[in-house]
Structures are given as structure tokens and as C-alpha cells.
């Protein structure tokens, strides 16, 4: 069984990027985790840098209130971005680092913050122009052998960058930005590569960071109108739900990542699992976003 075939996440992944902004106490964060589980979401997406290096600890603090939950959830984290921060005083400039020393140190930080012994999935957050594929592959193998990481992958890489690393060590997924307002992965080779390698991609910012609901953006208004019309045709589903349904229609069987601290935000995503769009429905949304018919 390949790494991609053995990786299992819930159909919707709960994103924790903005958890520090939700202003929830530990009990409130625990309740959010429990709400996600009640909706069938058992996978949670992190990165070491989220919330200025604070979110993993906030999540870990909540988990500590109910330690048994760790056995019911899957934890994803990312590393490789070095932000200038009071939390990391040795970072003189923003840079990327996929060296053995940095990846190992980052994983140890994440494990301590999350209060867990292992990550279900570790991703290299951004492509490091100085990546030594052999060294990084050996680092992945070391982390797996130690039981600290079960699966590895990348995020925001080009097809060529992913292919280089995948040739050295099997990758389980590629996390990329895709939404009805951000179309490049559909035809820049990213999703074709996922199909070729049988990697199910993870999709961040599926609602375009909220831009889908804002005003004054002609493209967003066109797409929102089409999604609203499709929602009426599909039993009154919300615009958000139809955006998730549009993503889920892709044959790579992607895992969309929510970004909401609200139960309704999670529910909007889960509701999309019951909706099947036709190819024509899907292309209506694409056309609205592209502003033209297919060539």
C-alpha cells in the first residue's frame, strides 16, 4: 500500500489557523473539537507558525482537558517557514528551511505544544529553494522510524518540486490553495499530478478567505450568484455549502480544510458531502470565476 493510499483523513478537515483569534478559553476550544467530532470531522490542520507560533499550544491545552480524545482524532501540522517573531528570536528574516536540523526541531516543538507523542501527518509548508531532497527524505524516514510522524507530504509546491521529493520518499498528499475564486491548480499541472500519483490533495482557503461573501468584487459577485442559484436547486443549500460541493466534485477526491470556529461553519462544509453536482453545474461556477466560456 502506498503512503497516499494508507493516509486516511475525514472528508472535511477542520483548520485551526485562526484559533488564536476566536478568543475561546480552553473549555471553549475543547467544545469546538467535540462539535467537529460530532459532525464526523476527526482531522485537524495546524502549522507551527499559526497564531505567531501559539495555536498548537492552544489546541494542546484543550486536548489536555480530555486526553482520551487524542485517540479519536488525526493531527496534521506543517513546518519549514521561519517567521520573524519574539517566539523565535534567532529568526533574523523570514525564510524557508527544510534542513534536517530545522525539521526535527520543529517537530519536537509541535509535539510538545500539541501534547502528543506523534503527528498523523507532517507537511513541508512552503518550497525551500535550498531543499536537499536526499537529506529531507532521510529526515522523514528518521521521524517515521521513531514513531513521531506517521505520514509526510508537502504544501504549496510546484509539480516539479513535489516530483523531486516524491522520487526520494513517498508523499501522502499535497496541500494547495483552491477555491471557486482561485483556479490555478486546476490547469497548472498540480491536480493532474495528484491524479497521476493517486495523491488526494488537501485544499486550503476553500471559501477564498471569506472573499466569496464580500462586496465590491465583481468576480466574487458573479460566483456567489451562481452558487446561490445552485443552492436553490439543491434544496436551499448555502453559498458556502455549494462552494465546498464544487471542490468535492473534483476527481482527485480532495479534503477541503475549513477555517471556521463556528459550528455552523463546520456544518456548512459537512452538508456538502450530500450534494452531487453535475459537470455542467461545476462548469457554471468555473465560467463565472474565469469570466469566460471554456475555450
C-alpha atoms as a PDB file:
ATOM      1  CA  UNK A   1       0.000   0.000   0.000  1.00  0.00           C
ATOM      2  CA  UNK A   2       1.389   3.429  -0.948  1.00  0.00           C
ATOM      3  CA  UNK A   3       1.690   6.318   1.502  1.00  0.00           C
ATOM      4  CA  UNK A   4      -1.162   8.116  -0.218  1.00  0.00           C
ATOM      5  CA  UNK A   5      -3.442   5.074  -0.033  1.00  0.00           C
ATOM      6  CA  UNK A   6      -2.743   4.476   3.667  1.00  0.00           C
ATOM      7  CA  UNK A   7      -3.377   8.098   4.732  1.00  0.00           C
ATOM      8  CA  UNK A   8      -6.936   8.489   5.989  1.00  0.00           C
ATOM      9  CA  UNK A   9      -8.461  11.826   6.941  1.00  0.00           C
ATOM     10  CA  UNK A  10     -12.077  12.773   7.499  1.00  0.00           C
ATOM     11  CA  UNK A  11     -13.840  14.020   4.318  1.00  0.00           C
ATOM     12  CA  UNK A  12     -13.713  17.539   5.783  1.00  0.00           C
ATOM     13  CA  UNK A  13     -10.671  18.748   7.728  1.00  0.00           C
ATOM     14  CA  UNK A  14     -11.002  21.379  10.454  1.00  0.00           C
ATOM     15  CA  UNK A  15      -8.486  24.180  10.023  1.00  0.00           C
ATOM     16  CA  UNK A  16      -7.002  25.742  13.147  1.00  0.00           C
ATOM     17  CA  UNK A  17      -5.147  28.656  11.548  1.00  0.00           C
ATOM     18  CA  UNK A  18      -7.236  31.375  13.223  1.00  0.00           C
ATOM     19  CA  UNK A  19      -7.856  29.675  16.556  1.00  0.00           C
ATOM     20  CA  UNK A  20      -5.966  32.392  18.470  1.00  0.00           C
ATOM     21  CA  UNK A  21      -8.430  34.954  17.059  1.00  0.00           C
ATOM     22  CA  UNK A  22     -11.507  33.065  18.230  1.00  0.00           C
ATOM     23  CA  UNK A  23     -10.955  34.218  21.820  1.00  0.00           C
ATOM     24  CA  UNK A  24     -12.137  30.926  23.280  1.00  0.00           C
ATOM     25  CA  UNK A  25     -10.949  29.623  26.608  1.00  0.00           C
ATOM     26  CA  UNK A  26      -9.633  26.067  26.851  1.00  0.00           C
ATOM     27  CA  UNK A  27     -13.095  24.674  27.560  1.00  0.00           C
ATOM     28  CA  UNK A  28     -14.489  26.523  24.541  1.00  0.00           C
ATOM     29  CA  UNK A  29     -11.740  25.148  22.325  1.00  0.00           C
ATOM     30  CA  UNK A  30     -12.438  21.653  23.607  1.00  0.00           C
ATOM     31  CA  UNK A  31     -16.122  22.108  22.820  1.00  0.00           C
ATOM     32  CA  UNK A  32     -15.213  23.147  19.271  1.00  0.00           C
ATOM     33  CA  UNK A  33     -13.150  19.958  18.851  1.00  0.00           C
ATOM     34  CA  UNK A  34     -16.065  17.910  20.197  1.00  0.00           C
ATOM     35  CA  UNK A  35     -18.514  19.677  17.851  1.00  0.00           C
ATOM     36  CA  UNK A  36     -16.292  18.791  14.916  1.00  0.00           C
ATOM     37  CA  UNK A  37     -16.208  15.151  16.008  1.00  0.00           C
ATOM     38  CA  UNK A  38     -19.985  15.097  16.358  1.00  0.00           C
ATOM     39  CA  UNK A  39     -20.197  16.205  12.720  1.00  0.00           C
ATOM     40  CA  UNK A  40     -17.820  13.495  11.541  1.00  0.00           C
ATOM     41  CA  UNK A  41     -14.725  15.715  11.342  1.00  0.00           C
ATOM     42  CA  UNK A  42     -11.831  13.995  13.071  1.00  0.00           C
ATOM     43  CA  UNK A  43      -8.860  15.643  11.310  1.00  0.00           C
ATOM     44  CA  UNK A  44      -7.359  18.974  12.415  1.00  0.00           C
ATOM     45  CA  UNK A  45      -4.930  21.071  10.375  1.00  0.00           C
ATOM     46  CA  UNK A  46      -2.148  23.024  12.091  1.00  0.00           C
ATOM     47  CA  UNK A  47       1.185  24.658  11.333  1.00  0.00           C
ATOM     48  CA  UNK A  48       3.906  25.634  13.749  1.00  0.00           C
ATOM     49  CA  UNK A  49       3.621  29.311  12.723  1.00  0.00           C
ATOM     50  CA  UNK A  50      -0.138  29.692  13.203  1.00  0.00           C
ATOM     51  CA  UNK A  51      -1.094  32.446  15.621  1.00  0.00           C
ATOM     52  CA  UNK A  52       2.527  33.610  15.840  1.00  0.00           C
ATOM     53  CA  UNK A  53       3.559  30.133  16.991  1.00  0.00           C
ATOM     54  CA  UNK A  54       0.715  29.944  19.536  1.00  0.00           C
ATOM     55  CA  UNK A  55      -2.125  27.869  18.053  1.00  0.00           C
ATOM     56  CA  UNK A  56      -0.663  24.407  18.560  1.00  0.00           C
ATOM     57  CA  UNK A  57      -0.312  25.125  22.280  1.00  0.00           C
ATOM     58  CA  UNK A  58      -3.895  26.404  22.461  1.00  0.00           C
ATOM     59  CA  UNK A  59      -5.105  23.186  20.853  1.00  0.00           C
ATOM     60  CA  UNK A  60      -2.896  21.077  23.112  1.00  0.00           C
ATOM     61  CA  UNK A  61      -4.234  22.848  26.178  1.00  0.00           C
ATOM     62  CA  UNK A  62      -7.785  21.979  25.121  1.00  0.00           C
ATOM     63  CA  UNK A  63      -6.866  18.355  24.423  1.00  0.00           C
ATOM     64  CA  UNK A  64      -5.307  18.089  27.884  1.00  0.00           C
ATOM     65  CA  UNK A  65      -8.796  18.583  29.358  1.00  0.00           C
ATOM     66  CA  UNK A  66      -9.888  15.348  27.652  1.00  0.00           C
ATOM     67  CA  UNK A  67      -6.750  13.307  26.902  1.00  0.00           C
ATOM     68  CA  UNK A  68      -8.703  10.355  25.535  1.00  0.00           C
ATOM     69  CA  UNK A  69      -9.725  12.450  22.533  1.00  0.00           C
ATOM     70  CA  UNK A  70      -6.253  12.091  21.008  1.00  0.00           C
ATOM     71  CA  UNK A  71      -7.062   8.515  20.047  1.00  0.00           C
ATOM     72  CA  UNK A  72     -10.136   9.703  18.144  1.00  0.00           C
ATOM     73  CA  UNK A  73      -8.535  12.471  16.105  1.00  0.00           C
ATOM     74  CA  UNK A  74      -5.895  12.937  13.420  1.00  0.00           C
ATOM     75  CA  UNK A  75      -3.455  15.809  13.804  1.00  0.00           C
ATOM     76  CA  UNK A  76      -1.795  17.464  10.811  1.00  0.00           C
ATOM     77  CA  UNK A  77       0.972  20.032  11.145  1.00  0.00           C
ATOM     78  CA  UNK A  78       3.352  21.876   8.873  1.00  0.00           C
ATOM     79  CA  UNK A  79       6.845  23.287   9.226  1.00  0.00           C
ATOM     80  CA  UNK A  80       9.506  24.948   7.106  1.00  0.00           C
ATOM     81  CA  UNK A  81       8.516  28.623   7.302  1.00  0.00           C
ATOM     82  CA  UNK A  82      10.679  30.719   9.628  1.00  0.00           C
ATOM     83  CA  UNK A  83       8.887  33.902  10.648  1.00  0.00           C
ATOM     84  CA  UNK A  84      10.482  36.798  12.458  1.00  0.00           C
ATOM     85  CA  UNK A  85       8.873  36.587  15.880  1.00  0.00           C
ATOM     86  CA  UNK A  86       9.567  37.173  19.528  1.00  0.00           C
ATOM     87  CA  UNK A  87       8.778  33.477  19.885  1.00  0.00           C
ATOM     88  CA  UNK A  88      11.728  32.611  17.636  1.00  0.00           C
ATOM     89  CA  UNK A  89      14.404  35.245  18.357  1.00  0.00           C
ATOM     90  CA  UNK A  90      17.028  33.527  16.187  1.00  0.00           C
ATOM     91  CA  UNK A  91      14.982  34.142  13.015  1.00  0.00           C
ATOM     92  CA  UNK A  92      16.597  37.280  11.583  1.00  0.00           C
ATOM     93  CA  UNK A  93      14.487  37.342   8.397  1.00  0.00           C
ATOM     94  CA  UNK A  94      11.524  35.476   7.017  1.00  0.00           C
ATOM     95  CA  UNK A  95      12.880  32.442   5.180  1.00  0.00           C
ATOM     96  CA  UNK A  96      12.195  28.803   4.383  1.00  0.00           C
ATOM     97  CA  UNK A  97      14.140  25.921   5.887  1.00  0.00           C
ATOM     98  CA  UNK A  98      13.793  22.215   5.131  1.00  0.00           C
ATOM     99  CA  UNK A  99      17.098  21.214   6.683  1.00  0.00           C
ATOM    100  CA  UNK A 100      17.268  18.176   8.920  1.00  0.00           C
ATOM    101  CA  UNK A 101      18.024  20.285  11.993  1.00  0.00           C
ATOM    102  CA  UNK A 102      15.092  22.644  11.442  1.00  0.00           C
ATOM    103  CA  UNK A 103      12.534  19.958  10.602  1.00  0.00           C
ATOM    104  CA  UNK A 104      13.499  17.814  13.609  1.00  0.00           C
ATOM    105  CA  UNK A 105      13.409  20.823  15.948  1.00  0.00           C
ATOM    106  CA  UNK A 106      10.065  21.956  14.532  1.00  0.00           C
ATOM    107  CA  UNK A 107       8.505  18.548  15.051  1.00  0.00           C
ATOM    108  CA  UNK A 108       9.702  18.453  18.656  1.00  0.00           C
ATOM    109  CA  UNK A 109       8.209  21.917  19.247  1.00  0.00           C
ATOM    110  CA  UNK A 110       4.897  20.812  17.713  1.00  0.00           C
ATOM    111  CA  UNK A 111       4.715  17.597  19.710  1.00  0.00           C
ATOM    112  CA  UNK A 112       5.301  19.458  22.974  1.00  0.00           C
ATOM    113  CA  UNK A 113       2.806  22.187  22.139  1.00  0.00           C
ATOM    114  CA  UNK A 114       0.118  19.761  20.973  1.00  0.00           C
ATOM    115  CA  UNK A 115       0.808  17.467  23.947  1.00  0.00           C
ATOM    116  CA  UNK A 116       1.010  14.399  21.767  1.00  0.00           C
ATOM    117  CA  UNK A 117       3.612  11.751  21.001  1.00  0.00           C
ATOM    118  CA  UNK A 118       3.087  11.755  17.240  1.00  0.00           C
ATOM    119  CA  UNK A 119       1.708  13.642  14.244  1.00  0.00           C
ATOM    120  CA  UNK A 120      -0.561  11.779  11.875  1.00  0.00           C
ATOM    121  CA  UNK A 121       0.729  13.926   9.012  1.00  0.00           C
ATOM    122  CA  UNK A 122       3.648  16.342   8.642  1.00  0.00           C
ATOM    123  CA  UNK A 123       3.831  18.714   5.664  1.00  0.00           C
ATOM    124  CA  UNK A 124       6.632  20.941   4.421  1.00  0.00           C
ATOM    125  CA  UNK A 125       4.763  24.228   4.399  1.00  0.00           C
ATOM    126  CA  UNK A 126       6.445  26.058   1.509  1.00  0.00           C
ATOM    127  CA  UNK A 127       9.052  25.036  -1.063  1.00  0.00           C
ATOM    128  CA  UNK A 128      12.564  25.673   0.177  1.00  0.00           C
ATOM    129  CA  UNK A 129      14.788  26.751  -2.733  1.00  0.00           C
ATOM    130  CA  UNK A 130      17.710  25.162  -0.878  1.00  0.00           C
ATOM    131  CA  UNK A 131      15.953  21.856  -0.270  1.00  0.00           C
ATOM    132  CA  UNK A 132      18.286  18.863  -0.303  1.00  0.00           C
ATOM    133  CA  UNK A 133      15.875  16.119  -1.344  1.00  0.00           C
ATOM    134  CA  UNK A 134      18.085  13.306  -0.085  1.00  0.00           C
ATOM    135  CA  UNK A 135      18.566  14.941   3.313  1.00  0.00           C
ATOM    136  CA  UNK A 136      14.857  15.705   3.700  1.00  0.00           C
ATOM    137  CA  UNK A 137      13.902  12.163   2.658  1.00  0.00           C
ATOM    138  CA  UNK A 138      16.288  10.781   5.286  1.00  0.00           C
ATOM    139  CA  UNK A 139      14.753  13.138   7.860  1.00  0.00           C
ATOM    140  CA  UNK A 140      11.270  11.887   7.011  1.00  0.00           C
ATOM    141  CA  UNK A 141      12.465   8.293   7.362  1.00  0.00           C
ATOM    142  CA  UNK A 142      14.037   9.080  10.746  1.00  0.00           C
ATOM    143  CA  UNK A 143      10.839  10.687  12.058  1.00  0.00           C
ATOM    144  CA  UNK A 144       8.746   7.751  10.878  1.00  0.00           C
ATOM    145  CA  UNK A 145      11.121   5.188  12.350  1.00  0.00           C
ATOM    146  CA  UNK A 146      10.897   6.989  15.702  1.00  0.00           C
ATOM    147  CA  UNK A 147       7.082   6.905  15.526  1.00  0.00           C
ATOM    148  CA  UNK A 148       6.888  10.693  15.736  1.00  0.00           C
ATOM    149  CA  UNK A 149       5.322  11.146  12.293  1.00  0.00           C
ATOM    150  CA  UNK A 150       3.093   8.632  10.513  1.00  0.00           C
ATOM    151  CA  UNK A 151       2.792  10.249   7.071  1.00  0.00           C
ATOM    152  CA  UNK A 152       4.542  13.085   5.222  1.00  0.00           C
ATOM    153  CA  UNK A 153       3.655  15.429   2.393  1.00  0.00           C
ATOM    154  CA  UNK A 154       4.086  18.942   1.081  1.00  0.00           C
ATOM    155  CA  UNK A 155       2.103  22.153   0.809  1.00  0.00           C
ATOM    156  CA  UNK A 156       2.158  24.865  -1.877  1.00  0.00           C
ATOM    157  CA  UNK A 157       4.806  23.134  -4.014  1.00  0.00           C
ATOM    158  CA  UNK A 158       5.019  23.122  -7.794  1.00  0.00           C
ATOM    159  CA  UNK A 159       4.582  19.803  -9.590  1.00  0.00           C
ATOM    160  CA  UNK A 160       8.335  19.693 -10.291  1.00  0.00           C
ATOM    161  CA  UNK A 161       9.206  20.345  -6.639  1.00  0.00           C
ATOM    162  CA  UNK A 162       6.819  17.646  -5.454  1.00  0.00           C
ATOM    163  CA  UNK A 163       8.125  15.174  -8.051  1.00  0.00           C
ATOM    164  CA  UNK A 164      11.708  15.716  -6.895  1.00  0.00           C
ATOM    165  CA  UNK A 165      10.903  14.896  -3.278  1.00  0.00           C
ATOM    166  CA  UNK A 166       8.409  12.139  -4.077  1.00  0.00           C
ATOM    167  CA  UNK A 167      11.144  10.342  -6.040  1.00  0.00           C
ATOM    168  CA  UNK A 168      13.210  10.186  -2.835  1.00  0.00           C
ATOM    169  CA  UNK A 169      10.451   9.460  -0.308  1.00  0.00           C
ATOM    170  CA  UNK A 170       6.763   8.632  -0.917  1.00  0.00           C
ATOM    171  CA  UNK A 171       4.500  11.569  -0.118  1.00  0.00           C
ATOM    172  CA  UNK A 172       0.940  11.134   1.104  1.00  0.00           C
ATOM    173  CA  UNK A 173      -0.708  14.393  -0.010  1.00  0.00           C
ATOM    174  CA  UNK A 174      -0.246  17.890  -1.393  1.00  0.00           C
ATOM    175  CA  UNK A 175      -1.989  20.785   0.370  1.00  0.00           C
ATOM    176  CA  UNK A 176      -2.785  23.625  -2.044  1.00  0.00           C
ATOM    177  CA  UNK A 177      -4.984  26.690  -2.287  1.00  0.00           C
ATOM    178  CA  UNK A 178      -8.111  26.084  -4.337  1.00  0.00           C
ATOM    179  CA  UNK A 179     -11.497  27.788  -4.267  1.00  0.00           C
ATOM    180  CA  UNK A 180     -14.123  28.992  -6.732  1.00  0.00           C
ATOM    181  CA  UNK A 181     -12.122  32.254  -6.771  1.00  0.00           C
ATOM    182  CA  UNK A 182      -8.659  30.664  -7.082  1.00  0.00           C
ATOM    183  CA  UNK A 183      -8.420  28.317 -10.057  1.00  0.00           C
ATOM    184  CA  UNK A 184      -4.717  27.834 -10.980  1.00  0.00           C
ATOM    185  CA  UNK A 185      -4.292  24.293  -9.551  1.00  0.00           C
ATOM    186  CA  UNK A 186      -6.979  23.092 -11.959  1.00  0.00           C
ATOM    187  CA  UNK A 187      -4.779  23.583 -15.014  1.00  0.00           C
ATOM    188  CA  UNK A 188      -1.201  24.251 -13.915  1.00  0.00           C
ATOM    189  CA  UNK A 189      -0.386  20.561 -13.542  1.00  0.00           C
ATOM    190  CA  UNK A 190      -0.962  20.377  -9.780  1.00  0.00           C
ATOM    191  CA  UNK A 191      -4.147  18.315  -9.728  1.00  0.00           C
ATOM    192  CA  UNK A 192      -3.158  16.315 -12.805  1.00  0.00           C
ATOM    193  CA  UNK A 193      -0.073  15.251 -10.867  1.00  0.00           C
ATOM    194  CA  UNK A 194      -2.215  14.319  -7.859  1.00  0.00           C
ATOM    195  CA  UNK A 195      -4.301  12.058 -10.077  1.00  0.00           C
ATOM    196  CA  UNK A 196      -1.209  10.556 -11.703  1.00  0.00           C
ATOM    197  CA  UNK A 197       0.339   9.759  -8.304  1.00  0.00           C
ATOM    198  CA  UNK A 198      -3.007   8.931  -6.690  1.00  0.00           C
ATOM    199  CA  UNK A 199      -2.495  11.622  -4.053  1.00  0.00           C
ATOM    200  CA  UNK A 200      -5.659  13.072  -2.554  1.00  0.00           C
ATOM    201  CA  UNK A 201      -4.963  16.809  -2.191  1.00  0.00           C
ATOM    202  CA  UNK A 202      -5.861  18.928   0.805  1.00  0.00           C
ATOM    203  CA  UNK A 203      -7.415  22.284  -0.086  1.00  0.00           C
ATOM    204  CA  UNK A 204      -6.836  25.411   1.990  1.00  0.00           C
ATOM    205  CA  UNK A 205      -8.877  28.625   1.813  1.00  0.00           C
ATOM    206  CA  UNK A 206     -11.834  26.879   0.114  1.00  0.00           C
ATOM    207  CA  UNK A 207     -14.009  29.983   0.622  1.00  0.00           C
ATOM    208  CA  UNK A 208     -11.252  32.318  -0.616  1.00  0.00           C
ATOM    209  CA  UNK A 209     -10.579  33.621   2.873  1.00  0.00           C
ATOM    210  CA  UNK A 210     -14.126  34.983   3.070  1.00  0.00           C
ATOM    211  CA  UNK A 211     -13.765  36.997  -0.156  1.00  0.00           C
ATOM    212  CA  UNK A 212     -16.561  34.903  -1.605  1.00  0.00           C
ATOM    213  CA  UNK A 213     -19.001  36.736   0.680  1.00  0.00           C
ATOM    214  CA  UNK A 214     -17.575  40.264   0.490  1.00  0.00           C
ATOM    215  CA  UNK A 215     -18.809  43.154  -1.584  1.00  0.00           C
ATOM    216  CA  UNK A 216     -17.242  45.163  -4.350  1.00  0.00           C
ATOM    217  CA  UNK A 217     -15.501  42.246  -6.076  1.00  0.00           C
ATOM    218  CA  UNK A 218     -17.065  41.664  -9.489  1.00  0.00           C
ATOM    219  CA  UNK A 219     -15.707  38.130  -9.819  1.00  0.00           C
ATOM    220  CA  UNK A 220     -16.860  37.167  -6.326  1.00  0.00           C
ATOM    221  CA  UNK A 221     -20.305  38.594  -7.019  1.00  0.00           C
ATOM    222  CA  UNK A 222     -20.640  36.551 -10.224  1.00  0.00           C
ATOM    223  CA  UNK A 223     -19.549  33.352  -8.498  1.00  0.00           C
ATOM    224  CA  UNK A 224     -21.704  33.992  -5.450  1.00  0.00           C
ATOM    225  CA  UNK A 225     -24.780  34.466  -7.656  1.00  0.00           C
ATOM    226  CA  UNK A 226     -24.170  31.155  -9.450  1.00  0.00           C
ATOM    227  CA  UNK A 227     -23.539  29.306  -6.173  1.00  0.00           C
ATOM    228  CA  UNK A 228     -26.707  30.793  -4.673  1.00  0.00           C
ATOM    229  CA  UNK A 229     -28.722  29.644  -7.707  1.00  0.00           C
ATOM    230  CA  UNK A 230     -27.220  26.152  -7.472  1.00  0.00           C
ATOM    231  CA  UNK A 231     -28.052  26.130  -3.768  1.00  0.00           C
ATOM    232  CA  UNK A 232     -31.697  26.825  -4.538  1.00  0.00           C
ATOM    233  CA  UNK A 233     -31.649  23.923  -6.999  1.00  0.00           C
ATOM    234  CA  UNK A 234     -30.157  21.680  -4.318  1.00  0.00           C
ATOM    235  CA  UNK A 235     -32.672  22.076  -1.540  1.00  0.00           C
ATOM    236  CA  UNK A 236     -31.772  25.551  -0.312  1.00  0.00           C
ATOM    237  CA  UNK A 237     -28.104  24.861   0.449  1.00  0.00           C
ATOM    238  CA  UNK A 238     -25.984  27.847   1.463  1.00  0.00           C
ATOM    239  CA  UNK A 239     -23.423  29.520  -0.778  1.00  0.00           C
ATOM    240  CA  UNK A 240     -20.664  28.146   1.465  1.00  0.00           C
ATOM    241  CA  UNK A 241     -22.021  24.616   1.181  1.00  0.00           C
ATOM    242  CA  UNK A 242     -22.164  24.878  -2.602  1.00  0.00           C
ATOM    243  CA  UNK A 243     -18.578  26.135  -2.721  1.00  0.00           C
ATOM    244  CA  UNK A 244     -17.473  23.046  -0.803  1.00  0.00           C
ATOM    245  CA  UNK A 245     -19.608  20.836  -3.081  1.00  0.00           C
ATOM    246  CA  UNK A 246     -17.877  22.382  -6.101  1.00  0.00           C
ATOM    247  CA  UNK A 247     -14.471  21.455  -4.679  1.00  0.00           C
ATOM    248  CA  UNK A 248     -15.577  17.952  -3.718  1.00  0.00           C
ATOM    249  CA  UNK A 249     -16.740  17.331  -7.304  1.00  0.00           C
ATOM    250  CA  UNK A 250     -13.132  17.094  -8.490  1.00  0.00           C
ATOM    251  CA  UNK A 251     -11.991  13.520  -9.280  1.00  0.00           C
ATOM    252  CA  UNK A 252      -8.919  13.783  -7.022  1.00  0.00           C
ATOM    253  CA  UNK A 253     -11.355  13.379  -4.082  1.00  0.00           C
ATOM    254  CA  UNK A 254      -9.876  16.331  -2.195  1.00  0.00           C
ATOM    255  CA  UNK A 255     -10.006  17.056   1.515  1.00  0.00           C
ATOM    256  CA  UNK A 256     -11.237  20.681   1.964  1.00  0.00           C
ATOM    257  CA  UNK A 257      -9.994  22.475   5.065  1.00  0.00           C
ATOM    258  CA  UNK A 258     -12.457  24.715   6.899  1.00  0.00           C
ATOM    259  CA  UNK A 259     -11.329  27.864   8.653  1.00  0.00           C
ATOM    260  CA  UNK A 260     -14.256  28.496  10.941  1.00  0.00           C
ATOM    261  CA  UNK A 261     -14.528  28.496  14.706  1.00  0.00           C
ATOM    262  CA  UNK A 262     -18.322  28.384  14.435  1.00  0.00           C
ATOM    263  CA  UNK A 263     -20.287  25.155  14.499  1.00  0.00           C
ATOM    264  CA  UNK A 264     -22.350  26.411  11.546  1.00  0.00           C
ATOM    265  CA  UNK A 265     -19.176  26.963   9.563  1.00  0.00           C
ATOM    266  CA  UNK A 266     -18.261  23.311  10.111  1.00  0.00           C
ATOM    267  CA  UNK A 267     -21.809  22.235   9.301  1.00  0.00           C
ATOM    268  CA  UNK A 268     -21.793  24.163   6.002  1.00  0.00           C
ATOM    269  CA  UNK A 269     -18.814  22.078   4.896  1.00  0.00           C
ATOM    270  CA  UNK A 270     -20.221  18.743   6.069  1.00  0.00           C
ATOM    271  CA  UNK A 271     -23.561  19.448   4.344  1.00  0.00           C
ATOM    272  CA  UNK A 272     -21.714  19.499   1.020  1.00  0.00           C
ATOM    273  CA  UNK A 273     -20.966  15.788   1.342  1.00  0.00           C
ATOM    274  CA  UNK A 274     -24.609  15.074   0.494  1.00  0.00           C
ATOM    275  CA  UNK A 275     -24.617  17.144  -2.702  1.00  0.00           C
ATOM    276  CA  UNK A 276     -23.620  15.841  -6.113  1.00  0.00           C
ATOM    277  CA  UNK A 277     -23.029  18.468  -8.788  1.00  0.00           C
ATOM    278  CA  UNK A 278     -23.263  17.630 -12.455  1.00  0.00           C
ATOM    279  CA  UNK A 279     -20.369  18.508 -14.738  1.00  0.00           C
ATOM    280  CA  UNK A 280     -22.495  21.310 -16.161  1.00  0.00           C
ATOM    281  CA  UNK A 281     -23.156  22.683 -12.649  1.00  0.00           C
ATOM    282  CA  UNK A 282     -19.417  22.611 -11.985  1.00  0.00           C
ATOM    283  CA  UNK A 283     -18.585  24.434 -15.204  1.00  0.00           C
ATOM    284  CA  UNK A 284     -21.184  27.109 -14.459  1.00  0.00           C
ATOM    285  CA  UNK A 285     -19.140  28.047 -11.395  1.00  0.00           C
ATOM    286  CA  UNK A 286     -15.839  27.824 -13.294  1.00  0.00           C
ATOM    287  CA  UNK A 287     -17.212  30.078 -16.039  1.00  0.00           C
ATOM    288  CA  UNK A 288     -18.398  32.660 -13.522  1.00  0.00           C
ATOM    289  CA  UNK A 289     -14.962  32.732 -11.906  1.00  0.00           C
ATOM    290  CA  UNK A 290     -12.957  32.737 -15.139  1.00  0.00           C
ATOM    291  CA  UNK A 291     -15.255  35.350 -16.665  1.00  0.00           C
ATOM    292  CA  UNK A 292     -15.464  33.450 -19.927  1.00  0.00           C
ATOM    293  CA  UNK A 293     -16.604  30.237 -21.543  1.00  0.00           C
ATOM    294  CA  UNK A 294     -14.183  27.358 -21.893  1.00  0.00           C
ATOM    295  CA  UNK A 295     -12.003  27.802 -24.973  1.00  0.00           C
END
